[in-house]
């Protein structure tokens, strides 16, 4: 097996297992979520967290193209896997998205709240931008995208994802007394990863001669 794929597979597996374990601990064990909801609801939580962490690893190392080829390929595999995880998260969320499953996202008339609407719209736009960004590396479109355009697409996708996370979960972040098992919400962990990833990205960018 290609060493880069082996390295990426190991990292991806560890991050998913940890995310899945955390989701089970928070929702099934401390949150009282029925075990019958594990295949869809809890796995969806794990996919969203692990996918975003993988994506931010790729983003944070965006300006590290001068590293060894094996590491470059490893980071590439991690980024692609992160995107696929996020795509699976979007599909599962669409299947689950109703008042009975996510009551806090809907008002008394079963309409989306204003902040939920912003969050969902941000999520959709971010996925579209990530899709275009990934397509820019294919042979069919590679020559049509400059490096600057690719960078701007990735920046916009990550920034909008930050909006998605914030408007989706910030109310729950402010009530730690309601956290299941005193464990932070997955959206808060993902937002902290977002802040850390952007910081690393900016540091690497400032140290790179463009």
N, C-alpha and C. Protein backbone atom coordinates (compact mmCIF):
# COMPACT_ATOMS: atom_id res chain seq x y z
N UNK A 1 0.84 -1.21 0.00
CA UNK A 1 0.00 0.00 0.00
C UNK A 1 0.87 1.25 0.00
N UNK A 2 0.43 2.28 -0.72
CA UNK A 2 1.09 3.57 -0.72
C UNK A 2 1.25 4.07 0.72
N UNK A 3 2.48 4.48 1.07
CA UNK A 3 2.76 4.91 2.44
C UNK A 3 1.89 6.08 2.85
N UNK A 4 1.63 7.00 1.92
CA UNK A 4 0.81 8.17 2.24
C UNK A 4 -0.61 7.75 2.59
N UNK A 5 -1.15 6.76 1.86
CA UNK A 5 -2.50 6.27 2.15
C UNK A 5 -2.54 5.55 3.49
N UNK A 6 -1.48 4.82 3.78
CA UNK A 6 -1.41 4.12 5.06
C UNK A 6 -1.37 5.11 6.22
N UNK A 7 -0.54 6.15 6.08
CA UNK A 7 -0.45 7.16 7.13
C UNK A 7 -1.78 7.89 7.31
N UNK A 8 -2.38 8.26 6.17
CA UNK A 8 -3.67 8.97 6.22
C UNK A 8 -4.74 8.09 6.83
N UNK A 9 -4.75 6.81 6.43
CA UNK A 9 -5.75 5.89 6.97
C UNK A 9 -5.65 5.75 8.47
N UNK A 10 -4.43 5.71 8.99
CA UNK A 10 -4.22 5.61 10.43
C UNK A 10 -4.75 6.85 11.15
N UNK A 11 -4.41 8.03 10.63
CA UNK A 11 -4.86 9.28 11.24
C UNK A 11 -6.38 9.41 11.18
N UNK A 12 -6.94 9.10 10.03
CA UNK A 12 -8.40 9.19 9.85
C UNK A 12 -9.12 8.24 10.81
N UNK A 13 -8.60 7.03 10.93
CA UNK A 13 -9.23 6.03 11.81
C UNK A 13 -9.20 6.48 13.26
N UNK A 14 -8.06 6.98 13.71
CA UNK A 14 -7.93 7.44 15.10
C UNK A 14 -8.90 8.57 15.39
N UNK A 15 -8.96 9.55 14.48
CA UNK A 15 -9.84 10.71 14.69
C UNK A 15 -11.30 10.30 14.69
N UNK A 16 -11.68 9.40 13.78
CA UNK A 16 -13.08 8.96 13.75
C UNK A 16 -13.45 8.16 14.99
N UNK A 17 -12.57 7.25 15.40
CA UNK A 17 -12.85 6.42 16.58
C UNK A 17 -13.00 7.30 17.82
N UNK A 18 -12.11 8.28 17.99
CA UNK A 18 -12.21 9.19 19.14
C UNK A 18 -13.49 10.01 19.08
N UNK A 19 -13.83 10.49 17.90
CA UNK A 19 -15.06 11.29 17.73
C UNK A 19 -16.30 10.44 18.00
N UNK A 20 -16.29 9.22 17.49
CA UNK A 20 -17.41 8.30 17.69
C UNK A 20 -17.55 7.93 19.16
N UNK A 21 -16.42 7.67 19.80
CA UNK A 21 -16.45 7.36 21.23
C UNK A 21 -16.99 8.52 22.05
N UNK A 22 -16.58 9.73 21.70
CA UNK A 22 -17.06 10.91 22.41
C UNK A 22 -18.56 11.08 22.20
N UNK A 23 -19.03 10.88 20.98
CA UNK A 23 -20.45 11.01 20.68
C UNK A 23 -21.28 9.99 21.46
N UNK A 24 -20.79 8.76 21.54
CA UNK A 24 -21.50 7.73 22.30
C UNK A 24 -21.54 8.11 23.78
N UNK A 25 -20.39 8.54 24.30
CA UNK A 25 -20.30 8.92 25.71
C UNK A 25 -21.25 10.07 26.03
N UNK A 26 -21.26 11.09 25.17
CA UNK A 26 -22.07 12.28 25.46
C UNK A 26 -23.56 12.04 25.27
N UNK A 27 -23.92 11.40 24.18
CA UNK A 27 -25.34 11.28 23.83
C UNK A 27 -26.00 10.00 24.36
N UNK A 28 -25.37 8.85 24.15
CA UNK A 28 -25.99 7.60 24.58
C UNK A 28 -25.86 7.37 26.08
N UNK A 29 -24.65 7.59 26.59
CA UNK A 29 -24.40 7.26 27.99
C UNK A 29 -24.88 8.36 28.94
N UNK A 30 -24.46 9.60 28.70
CA UNK A 30 -24.85 10.70 29.58
C UNK A 30 -26.11 11.43 29.13
N UNK A 31 -26.38 11.42 27.82
CA UNK A 31 -27.51 12.18 27.31
C UNK A 31 -28.82 11.41 27.24
N UNK A 32 -28.76 10.13 27.48
CA UNK A 32 -29.99 9.34 27.47
C UNK A 32 -30.57 9.10 26.10
N UNK A 33 -29.80 9.34 25.04
CA UNK A 33 -30.29 9.07 23.69
C UNK A 33 -30.39 7.55 23.51
N UNK A 34 -31.48 7.10 22.95
CA UNK A 34 -31.71 5.67 22.77
C UNK A 34 -30.61 5.06 21.90
N UNK A 35 -30.21 3.83 22.25
CA UNK A 35 -29.18 3.14 21.48
C UNK A 35 -29.65 2.85 20.06
N UNK A 36 -30.94 2.80 19.85
CA UNK A 36 -31.47 2.56 18.51
C UNK A 36 -31.17 3.72 17.57
N UNK A 37 -30.82 4.88 18.15
CA UNK A 37 -30.51 6.05 17.33
C UNK A 37 -29.02 6.16 17.01
N UNK A 38 -28.25 5.20 17.47
CA UNK A 38 -26.81 5.25 17.24
C UNK A 38 -26.44 5.20 15.75
N UNK A 39 -27.05 4.31 14.94
CA UNK A 39 -26.63 4.20 13.54
C UNK A 39 -26.78 5.47 12.72
N UNK A 40 -27.75 6.31 13.05
CA UNK A 40 -27.97 7.52 12.26
C UNK A 40 -27.59 8.77 13.06
N UNK A 41 -28.24 8.98 14.17
CA UNK A 41 -28.08 10.23 14.93
C UNK A 41 -26.67 10.38 15.50
N UNK A 42 -26.20 9.34 16.20
CA UNK A 42 -24.89 9.44 16.86
C UNK A 42 -23.75 9.34 15.85
N UNK A 43 -23.88 8.45 14.88
CA UNK A 43 -22.86 8.36 13.83
C UNK A 43 -22.76 9.69 13.08
N UNK A 44 -23.88 10.34 12.87
CA UNK A 44 -23.88 11.65 12.20
C UNK A 44 -23.06 12.67 13.00
N UNK A 45 -23.21 12.64 14.33
CA UNK A 45 -22.42 13.53 15.18
C UNK A 45 -20.93 13.25 15.01
N UNK A 46 -20.58 11.96 15.00
CA UNK A 46 -19.17 11.57 14.86
C UNK A 46 -18.61 11.97 13.50
N UNK A 47 -19.41 11.82 12.46
CA UNK A 47 -18.97 12.19 11.12
C UNK A 47 -18.73 13.70 11.01
N UNK A 48 -19.62 14.47 11.61
CA UNK A 48 -19.48 15.93 11.53
C UNK A 48 -18.21 16.39 12.23
N UNK A 49 -17.94 15.85 13.42
CA UNK A 49 -16.76 16.27 14.17
C UNK A 49 -15.47 15.77 13.52
N UNK A 50 -15.41 14.48 13.22
CA UNK A 50 -14.19 13.93 12.63
C UNK A 50 -13.93 14.51 11.25
N UNK A 51 -14.98 14.70 10.45
CA UNK A 51 -14.82 15.27 9.13
C UNK A 51 -14.27 16.68 9.18
N UNK A 52 -14.77 17.46 10.14
CA UNK A 52 -14.31 18.85 10.24
C UNK A 52 -12.88 18.91 10.74
N UNK A 53 -12.52 18.03 11.69
CA UNK A 53 -11.14 18.00 12.17
C UNK A 53 -10.19 17.66 11.02
N UNK A 54 -10.54 16.67 10.22
CA UNK A 54 -9.71 16.29 9.08
C UNK A 54 -9.59 17.44 8.08
N UNK A 55 -10.68 18.13 7.86
CA UNK A 55 -10.68 19.26 6.94
C UNK A 55 -9.77 20.37 7.45
N UNK A 56 -9.82 20.62 8.75
CA UNK A 56 -9.00 21.69 9.32
C UNK A 56 -7.53 21.32 9.37
N UNK A 57 -7.21 20.02 9.47
CA UNK A 57 -5.81 19.59 9.36
C UNK A 57 -5.29 19.95 7.97
N UNK A 58 -6.10 19.68 6.95
CA UNK A 58 -5.74 20.02 5.58
C UNK A 58 -5.60 21.53 5.42
N UNK A 59 -6.53 22.26 6.01
CA UNK A 59 -6.53 23.72 5.88
C UNK A 59 -5.32 24.34 6.59
N UNK A 60 -5.05 23.86 7.80
CA UNK A 60 -3.95 24.43 8.58
C UNK A 60 -2.60 24.24 7.94
N UNK A 61 -2.48 23.21 7.10
CA UNK A 61 -1.20 22.92 6.44
C UNK A 61 -1.19 23.39 4.99
N UNK A 62 -2.11 24.28 4.65
CA UNK A 62 -2.26 24.72 3.25
C UNK A 62 -0.95 25.28 2.68
N UNK A 63 -0.18 25.99 3.50
CA UNK A 63 1.05 26.63 3.02
C UNK A 63 2.29 25.80 3.30
N UNK A 64 2.08 24.51 3.54
CA UNK A 64 3.21 23.62 3.81
C UNK A 64 3.51 22.73 2.60
N UNK A 65 3.43 23.29 1.39
CA UNK A 65 3.64 22.51 0.18
C UNK A 65 5.10 22.16 -0.07
N UNK A 66 6.00 22.71 0.76
CA UNK A 66 7.42 22.42 0.58
C UNK A 66 7.86 21.21 1.40
N UNK A 67 6.91 20.50 1.98
CA UNK A 67 7.24 19.33 2.78
C UNK A 67 7.48 18.12 1.88
N UNK A 68 7.84 17.00 2.48
CA UNK A 68 8.13 15.79 1.71
C UNK A 68 6.90 15.32 0.94
N UNK A 69 7.10 14.71 -0.24
CA UNK A 69 5.97 14.25 -1.07
C UNK A 69 5.01 13.32 -0.34
N UNK A 70 5.55 12.42 0.50
CA UNK A 70 4.68 11.49 1.23
C UNK A 70 3.75 12.26 2.16
N UNK A 71 4.30 13.28 2.83
CA UNK A 71 3.47 14.06 3.73
C UNK A 71 2.43 14.86 2.95
N UNK A 72 2.82 15.41 1.81
CA UNK A 72 1.88 16.15 0.98
C UNK A 72 0.70 15.28 0.57
N UNK A 73 1.00 14.06 0.13
CA UNK A 73 -0.06 13.14 -0.27
C UNK A 73 -0.92 12.73 0.92
N UNK A 74 -0.28 12.56 2.08
CA UNK A 74 -1.03 12.19 3.28
C UNK A 74 -2.04 13.28 3.63
N UNK A 75 -1.59 14.52 3.60
CA UNK A 75 -2.47 15.65 3.90
C UNK A 75 -3.61 15.74 2.87
N UNK A 76 -3.28 15.45 1.62
CA UNK A 76 -4.30 15.47 0.56
C UNK A 76 -5.37 14.42 0.82
N UNK A 77 -4.95 13.20 1.17
CA UNK A 77 -5.92 12.13 1.47
C UNK A 77 -6.78 12.50 2.68
N UNK A 78 -6.17 13.12 3.66
CA UNK A 78 -6.90 13.55 4.86
C UNK A 78 -7.96 14.58 4.48
N UNK A 79 -7.59 15.54 3.64
CA UNK A 79 -8.54 16.58 3.23
C UNK A 79 -9.71 16.02 2.44
N UNK A 80 -9.42 15.11 1.50
CA UNK A 80 -10.48 14.49 0.70
C UNK A 80 -11.42 13.69 1.60
N UNK A 81 -10.85 12.95 2.54
CA UNK A 81 -11.67 12.16 3.47
C UNK A 81 -12.53 13.06 4.33
N UNK A 82 -11.96 14.18 4.77
CA UNK A 82 -12.73 15.14 5.55
C UNK A 82 -13.93 15.65 4.79
N UNK A 83 -13.72 15.97 3.52
CA UNK A 83 -14.82 16.44 2.69
C UNK A 83 -15.90 15.38 2.52
N UNK A 84 -15.48 14.14 2.31
CA UNK A 84 -16.45 13.04 2.15
C UNK A 84 -17.23 12.81 3.44
N UNK A 85 -16.55 12.91 4.58
CA UNK A 85 -17.24 12.77 5.87
C UNK A 85 -18.29 13.87 6.03
N UNK A 86 -17.91 15.09 5.68
CA UNK A 86 -18.84 16.22 5.79
C UNK A 86 -20.02 16.02 4.84
N UNK A 87 -19.74 15.49 3.66
CA UNK A 87 -20.82 15.22 2.70
C UNK A 87 -21.79 14.18 3.25
N UNK A 88 -21.26 13.13 3.87
CA UNK A 88 -22.11 12.12 4.50
C UNK A 88 -22.92 12.73 5.65
N UNK A 89 -22.28 13.61 6.40
CA UNK A 89 -22.97 14.32 7.49
C UNK A 89 -24.15 15.12 6.95
N UNK A 90 -23.95 15.78 5.82
CA UNK A 90 -25.02 16.59 5.23
C UNK A 90 -26.20 15.70 4.80
N UNK A 91 -25.89 14.55 4.20
CA UNK A 91 -26.95 13.64 3.75
C UNK A 91 -27.73 13.09 4.94
N UNK A 92 -27.02 12.64 5.98
CA UNK A 92 -27.69 12.10 7.16
C UNK A 92 -28.52 13.18 7.87
N UNK A 93 -27.98 14.39 7.93
CA UNK A 93 -28.70 15.49 8.56
C UNK A 93 -30.00 15.79 7.82
N UNK A 94 -29.93 15.73 6.50
CA UNK A 94 -31.13 15.97 5.69
C UNK A 94 -32.19 14.90 5.98
N UNK A 95 -31.77 13.66 6.15
CA UNK A 95 -32.70 12.57 6.45
C UNK A 95 -33.31 12.71 7.85
N UNK A 96 -32.54 13.27 8.77
CA UNK A 96 -32.99 13.37 10.16
C UNK A 96 -33.67 14.69 10.49
N UNK A 97 -33.54 15.66 9.61
CA UNK A 97 -33.90 17.04 9.96
C UNK A 97 -35.42 17.24 10.02
N UNK A 98 -35.94 17.15 11.24
CA UNK A 98 -37.36 17.39 11.51
C UNK A 98 -37.51 17.75 13.00
N UNK A 99 -38.61 18.38 13.38
CA UNK A 99 -38.79 18.85 14.76
C UNK A 99 -38.66 17.75 15.81
N UNK A 100 -39.07 16.52 15.48
CA UNK A 100 -39.02 15.44 16.47
C UNK A 100 -37.58 15.10 16.85
N UNK A 101 -36.64 15.33 15.93
CA UNK A 101 -35.24 14.98 16.18
C UNK A 101 -34.45 16.19 16.68
N UNK A 102 -34.71 17.37 16.08
CA UNK A 102 -34.00 18.59 16.45
C UNK A 102 -35.00 19.68 16.84
N UNK A 103 -35.68 19.53 17.97
CA UNK A 103 -36.73 20.49 18.33
C UNK A 103 -36.24 21.92 18.52
N UNK A 104 -34.97 22.09 18.96
CA UNK A 104 -34.47 23.44 19.22
C UNK A 104 -34.28 24.25 17.94
N UNK A 105 -34.27 23.58 16.79
CA UNK A 105 -34.07 24.27 15.52
C UNK A 105 -35.37 24.79 14.92
N UNK A 106 -36.50 24.48 15.55
CA UNK A 106 -37.81 24.84 15.01
C UNK A 106 -38.62 25.65 16.02
N UNK A 107 -39.51 26.51 15.51
CA UNK A 107 -40.40 27.26 16.41
C UNK A 107 -41.68 26.48 16.66
N UNK A 108 -42.64 27.11 17.33
CA UNK A 108 -43.87 26.42 17.70
C UNK A 108 -44.73 26.03 16.49
N UNK A 109 -44.44 26.65 15.34
CA UNK A 109 -45.17 26.32 14.11
C UNK A 109 -44.40 25.36 13.20
N UNK A 110 -43.34 24.76 13.76
CA UNK A 110 -42.50 23.80 13.03
C UNK A 110 -41.75 24.42 11.86
N UNK A 111 -41.52 25.75 11.95
CA UNK A 111 -40.69 26.43 10.97
C UNK A 111 -39.29 26.62 11.56
N UNK A 112 -38.29 26.70 10.68
CA UNK A 112 -36.93 26.94 11.15
C UNK A 112 -36.84 28.29 11.84
N UNK A 113 -36.09 28.36 12.94
CA UNK A 113 -35.84 29.64 13.57
C UNK A 113 -34.88 30.44 12.68
N UNK A 114 -34.79 31.74 12.94
CA UNK A 114 -33.94 32.58 12.11
C UNK A 114 -32.48 32.15 12.11
N UNK A 115 -31.94 31.90 13.31
CA UNK A 115 -30.54 31.50 13.41
C UNK A 115 -30.30 30.11 12.79
N UNK A 116 -31.30 29.23 12.92
CA UNK A 116 -31.17 27.92 12.28
C UNK A 116 -31.11 28.06 10.77
N UNK A 117 -31.93 28.96 10.23
CA UNK A 117 -31.92 29.21 8.79
C UNK A 117 -30.57 29.69 8.31
N UNK A 118 -29.96 30.61 9.10
CA UNK A 118 -28.62 31.10 8.75
C UNK A 118 -27.61 29.96 8.79
N UNK A 119 -27.72 29.13 9.82
CA UNK A 119 -26.79 28.01 9.97
C UNK A 119 -26.91 27.02 8.82
N UNK A 120 -28.15 26.65 8.47
CA UNK A 120 -28.35 25.69 7.40
C UNK A 120 -27.90 26.24 6.04
N UNK A 121 -28.22 27.52 5.79
CA UNK A 121 -27.79 28.14 4.54
C UNK A 121 -26.27 28.18 4.45
N UNK A 122 -25.63 28.52 5.57
CA UNK A 122 -24.16 28.56 5.60
C UNK A 122 -23.58 27.18 5.31
N UNK A 123 -24.20 26.15 5.90
CA UNK A 123 -23.72 24.80 5.68
C UNK A 123 -23.81 24.38 4.22
N UNK A 124 -24.93 24.71 3.59
CA UNK A 124 -25.12 24.36 2.17
C UNK A 124 -24.11 25.08 1.29
N UNK A 125 -23.93 26.38 1.53
CA UNK A 125 -22.98 27.16 0.73
C UNK A 125 -21.56 26.63 0.92
N UNK A 126 -21.21 26.30 2.17
CA UNK A 126 -19.86 25.79 2.45
C UNK A 126 -19.60 24.48 1.71
N UNK A 127 -20.59 23.59 1.68
CA UNK A 127 -20.42 22.31 0.99
C UNK A 127 -20.26 22.53 -0.52
N UNK A 128 -21.02 23.45 -1.07
CA UNK A 128 -20.90 23.75 -2.51
C UNK A 128 -19.50 24.28 -2.82
N UNK A 129 -19.01 25.19 -1.97
CA UNK A 129 -17.67 25.75 -2.18
C UNK A 129 -16.60 24.67 -2.05
N UNK A 130 -16.76 23.78 -1.08
CA UNK A 130 -15.80 22.68 -0.91
C UNK A 130 -15.83 21.75 -2.12
N UNK A 131 -17.03 21.53 -2.64
CA UNK A 131 -17.17 20.69 -3.83
C UNK A 131 -16.42 21.30 -5.02
N UNK A 132 -16.62 22.61 -5.22
CA UNK A 132 -15.93 23.31 -6.32
C UNK A 132 -14.42 23.27 -6.09
N UNK A 133 -14.01 23.47 -4.84
CA UNK A 133 -12.58 23.44 -4.51
C UNK A 133 -11.97 22.09 -4.86
N UNK A 134 -12.65 21.01 -4.50
CA UNK A 134 -12.16 19.68 -4.82
C UNK A 134 -12.15 19.41 -6.32
N UNK A 135 -13.16 19.92 -7.01
CA UNK A 135 -13.21 19.75 -8.46
C UNK A 135 -12.06 20.48 -9.15
N UNK A 136 -11.55 21.54 -8.53
CA UNK A 136 -10.48 22.32 -9.14
C UNK A 136 -9.18 21.53 -9.30
N UNK A 137 -9.07 20.39 -8.61
CA UNK A 137 -7.86 19.58 -8.70
C UNK A 137 -7.98 18.45 -9.73
N UNK A 138 -9.17 18.29 -10.30
CA UNK A 138 -9.35 17.24 -11.29
C UNK A 138 -8.79 17.68 -12.64
N UNK A 139 -8.43 16.73 -13.47
CA UNK A 139 -7.82 17.03 -14.77
C UNK A 139 -8.74 17.88 -15.65
N UNK A 140 -10.05 17.67 -15.52
CA UNK A 140 -11.01 18.38 -16.37
C UNK A 140 -11.03 19.88 -16.09
N UNK A 141 -10.82 20.26 -14.81
CA UNK A 141 -10.94 21.67 -14.43
C UNK A 141 -9.64 22.28 -13.93
N UNK A 142 -8.59 21.48 -13.81
CA UNK A 142 -7.36 21.93 -13.17
C UNK A 142 -6.80 23.22 -13.76
N UNK A 143 -6.80 23.33 -15.08
CA UNK A 143 -6.19 24.49 -15.73
C UNK A 143 -7.06 25.74 -15.64
N UNK A 144 -8.31 25.60 -15.23
CA UNK A 144 -9.22 26.75 -15.16
C UNK A 144 -9.17 27.46 -13.81
N UNK A 145 -8.45 26.88 -12.85
CA UNK A 145 -8.39 27.47 -11.51
C UNK A 145 -6.96 27.88 -11.18
N UNK A 146 -6.77 29.15 -10.87
CA UNK A 146 -5.46 29.61 -10.42
C UNK A 146 -5.28 29.23 -8.96
N UNK A 147 -4.03 29.26 -8.51
CA UNK A 147 -3.75 28.94 -7.11
C UNK A 147 -4.45 29.92 -6.18
N UNK A 148 -4.50 31.18 -6.58
CA UNK A 148 -5.18 32.20 -5.77
C UNK A 148 -6.67 31.92 -5.66
N UNK A 149 -7.29 31.50 -6.75
CA UNK A 149 -8.71 31.20 -6.73
C UNK A 149 -9.00 29.99 -5.83
N UNK A 150 -8.15 28.97 -5.92
CA UNK A 150 -8.31 27.80 -5.05
C UNK A 150 -8.22 28.21 -3.59
N UNK A 151 -7.23 29.05 -3.28
CA UNK A 151 -7.03 29.50 -1.91
C UNK A 151 -8.26 30.26 -1.41
N UNK A 152 -8.79 31.14 -2.26
CA UNK A 152 -9.96 31.94 -1.88
C UNK A 152 -11.20 31.06 -1.67
N UNK A 153 -11.35 30.04 -2.50
CA UNK A 153 -12.47 29.11 -2.35
C UNK A 153 -12.40 28.38 -1.01
N UNK A 154 -11.20 27.90 -0.69
CA UNK A 154 -11.00 27.18 0.56
C UNK A 154 -11.22 28.11 1.76
N UNK A 155 -10.68 29.31 1.68
CA UNK A 155 -10.87 30.29 2.75
C UNK A 155 -12.35 30.57 2.99
N UNK A 156 -13.08 30.80 1.90
CA UNK A 156 -14.50 31.12 2.01
C UNK A 156 -15.28 29.95 2.60
N UNK A 157 -14.96 28.73 2.15
CA UNK A 157 -15.66 27.54 2.65
C UNK A 157 -15.44 27.37 4.15
N UNK A 158 -14.21 27.54 4.60
CA UNK A 158 -13.90 27.38 6.02
C UNK A 158 -14.56 28.48 6.85
N UNK A 159 -14.49 29.71 6.37
CA UNK A 159 -15.10 30.83 7.10
C UNK A 159 -16.61 30.64 7.24
N UNK A 160 -17.25 30.25 6.16
CA UNK A 160 -18.71 30.05 6.18
C UNK A 160 -19.08 28.85 7.07
N UNK A 161 -18.22 27.84 7.10
CA UNK A 161 -18.46 26.72 8.00
C UNK A 161 -18.42 27.18 9.45
N UNK A 162 -17.54 28.14 9.75
CA UNK A 162 -17.50 28.72 11.08
C UNK A 162 -18.82 29.37 11.45
N UNK A 163 -19.44 30.08 10.50
CA UNK A 163 -20.76 30.67 10.71
C UNK A 163 -21.79 29.57 10.97
N UNK A 164 -21.72 28.50 10.19
CA UNK A 164 -22.63 27.36 10.34
C UNK A 164 -22.56 26.81 11.77
N UNK A 165 -21.36 26.60 12.26
CA UNK A 165 -21.17 26.05 13.61
C UNK A 165 -21.67 27.01 14.68
N UNK A 166 -21.34 28.29 14.51
CA UNK A 166 -21.70 29.27 15.53
C UNK A 166 -23.21 29.42 15.68
N UNK A 167 -23.89 29.65 14.57
CA UNK A 167 -25.33 29.88 14.64
C UNK A 167 -26.11 28.61 14.97
N UNK A 168 -25.50 27.46 14.73
CA UNK A 168 -26.17 26.22 15.06
C UNK A 168 -26.12 25.93 16.56
N UNK A 169 -25.01 26.26 17.20
CA UNK A 169 -24.85 25.78 18.57
C UNK A 169 -24.56 26.77 19.66
N UNK A 170 -24.41 28.07 19.34
CA UNK A 170 -23.89 28.98 20.36
C UNK A 170 -24.78 29.10 21.60
N UNK A 171 -26.09 28.93 21.44
CA UNK A 171 -26.97 29.02 22.60
C UNK A 171 -26.66 27.92 23.61
N UNK A 172 -26.38 26.73 23.11
CA UNK A 172 -26.05 25.62 23.99
C UNK A 172 -24.69 25.78 24.65
N UNK A 173 -23.79 26.55 24.01
CA UNK A 173 -22.47 26.77 24.58
C UNK A 173 -22.55 27.60 25.86
N UNK A 174 -23.59 28.42 25.96
CA UNK A 174 -23.71 29.36 27.08
C UNK A 174 -24.38 28.76 28.31
N UNK A 175 -24.77 27.50 28.22
CA UNK A 175 -25.45 26.86 29.35
C UNK A 175 -24.73 25.56 29.73
N UNK A 176 -23.51 25.66 30.26
CA UNK A 176 -22.74 24.45 30.60
C UNK A 176 -23.42 23.56 31.63
N UNK A 177 -24.32 24.15 32.42
CA UNK A 177 -25.03 23.33 33.41
C UNK A 177 -25.96 22.31 32.76
N UNK A 178 -26.28 22.52 31.48
CA UNK A 178 -27.17 21.60 30.76
C UNK A 178 -26.40 20.61 29.89
N UNK A 179 -25.08 20.71 29.87
CA UNK A 179 -24.29 19.82 29.04
C UNK A 179 -24.40 18.39 29.57
N UNK A 180 -24.63 17.44 28.67
CA UNK A 180 -24.72 16.04 29.08
C UNK A 180 -23.39 15.59 29.68
N UNK A 181 -23.44 15.13 30.93
CA UNK A 181 -22.22 14.66 31.59
C UNK A 181 -21.16 15.72 31.72
N UNK A 182 -21.57 16.99 31.67
CA UNK A 182 -20.64 18.13 31.72
C UNK A 182 -19.66 18.13 30.54
N UNK A 183 -20.02 17.41 29.48
CA UNK A 183 -19.18 17.34 28.29
C UNK A 183 -19.59 18.41 27.29
N UNK A 184 -18.67 19.18 26.75
CA UNK A 184 -19.00 20.24 25.79
C UNK A 184 -19.71 19.70 24.56
N UNK A 185 -20.62 20.49 23.99
CA UNK A 185 -21.30 20.07 22.74
C UNK A 185 -20.28 19.87 21.62
N UNK A 186 -20.60 18.98 20.72
CA UNK A 186 -19.71 18.72 19.58
C UNK A 186 -19.53 19.97 18.73
N UNK A 187 -20.58 20.78 18.62
CA UNK A 187 -20.46 22.01 17.83
C UNK A 187 -19.44 22.96 18.44
N UNK A 188 -19.35 23.00 19.78
CA UNK A 188 -18.37 23.86 20.45
C UNK A 188 -16.95 23.34 20.23
N UNK A 189 -16.78 22.03 20.31
CA UNK A 189 -15.46 21.44 20.05
C UNK A 189 -15.03 21.75 18.62
N UNK A 190 -15.97 21.59 17.68
CA UNK A 190 -15.66 21.86 16.28
C UNK A 190 -15.31 23.33 16.07
N UNK A 191 -16.01 24.23 16.79
CA UNK A 191 -15.72 25.66 16.64
C UNK A 191 -14.33 25.98 17.20
N UNK A 192 -13.94 25.32 18.29
CA UNK A 192 -12.59 25.52 18.83
C UNK A 192 -11.54 25.01 17.84
N UNK A 193 -11.84 23.90 17.17
CA UNK A 193 -10.95 23.39 16.12
C UNK A 193 -10.86 24.39 14.98
N UNK A 194 -11.99 25.01 14.65
CA UNK A 194 -12.03 26.05 13.62
C UNK A 194 -11.09 27.21 13.97
N UNK A 195 -11.18 27.71 15.21
CA UNK A 195 -10.33 28.82 15.64
C UNK A 195 -8.85 28.41 15.59
N UNK A 196 -8.54 27.22 16.10
CA UNK A 196 -7.16 26.74 16.10
C UNK A 196 -6.63 26.57 14.68
N UNK A 197 -7.47 26.00 13.80
CA UNK A 197 -7.05 25.77 12.42
C UNK A 197 -6.79 27.06 11.67
N UNK A 198 -7.64 28.05 11.88
CA UNK A 198 -7.45 29.35 11.22
C UNK A 198 -6.17 30.02 11.74
N UNK A 199 -5.93 29.88 13.04
CA UNK A 199 -4.71 30.46 13.63
C UNK A 199 -3.46 29.84 13.01
N UNK A 200 -3.44 28.51 12.92
CA UNK A 200 -2.28 27.82 12.32
C UNK A 200 -2.13 28.21 10.86
N UNK A 201 -3.24 28.30 10.15
CA UNK A 201 -3.22 28.72 8.74
C UNK A 201 -2.57 30.10 8.59
N UNK A 202 -2.99 31.04 9.44
CA UNK A 202 -2.45 32.41 9.34
C UNK A 202 -0.96 32.46 9.70
N UNK A 203 -0.57 31.67 10.69
CA UNK A 203 0.85 31.62 11.07
C UNK A 203 1.67 31.06 9.93
N UNK A 204 1.21 29.96 9.34
CA UNK A 204 1.94 29.36 8.21
C UNK A 204 1.99 30.30 7.02
N UNK A 205 0.88 31.01 6.80
CA UNK A 205 0.84 31.96 5.68
C UNK A 205 1.85 33.08 5.87
N UNK A 206 1.94 33.60 7.12
CA UNK A 206 2.87 34.70 7.39
C UNK A 206 4.32 34.27 7.26
N UNK A 207 4.58 32.96 7.41
CA UNK A 207 5.94 32.44 7.31
C UNK A 207 6.29 31.93 5.92
N UNK A 208 5.34 32.10 4.99
CA UNK A 208 5.54 31.61 3.63
C UNK A 208 5.78 32.78 2.68
N UNK A 209 6.80 32.65 1.87
CA UNK A 209 7.08 33.68 0.86
C UNK A 209 6.20 33.43 -0.35
N UNK A 210 5.25 34.37 -0.60
CA UNK A 210 4.35 34.24 -1.73
C UNK A 210 4.88 34.95 -2.97
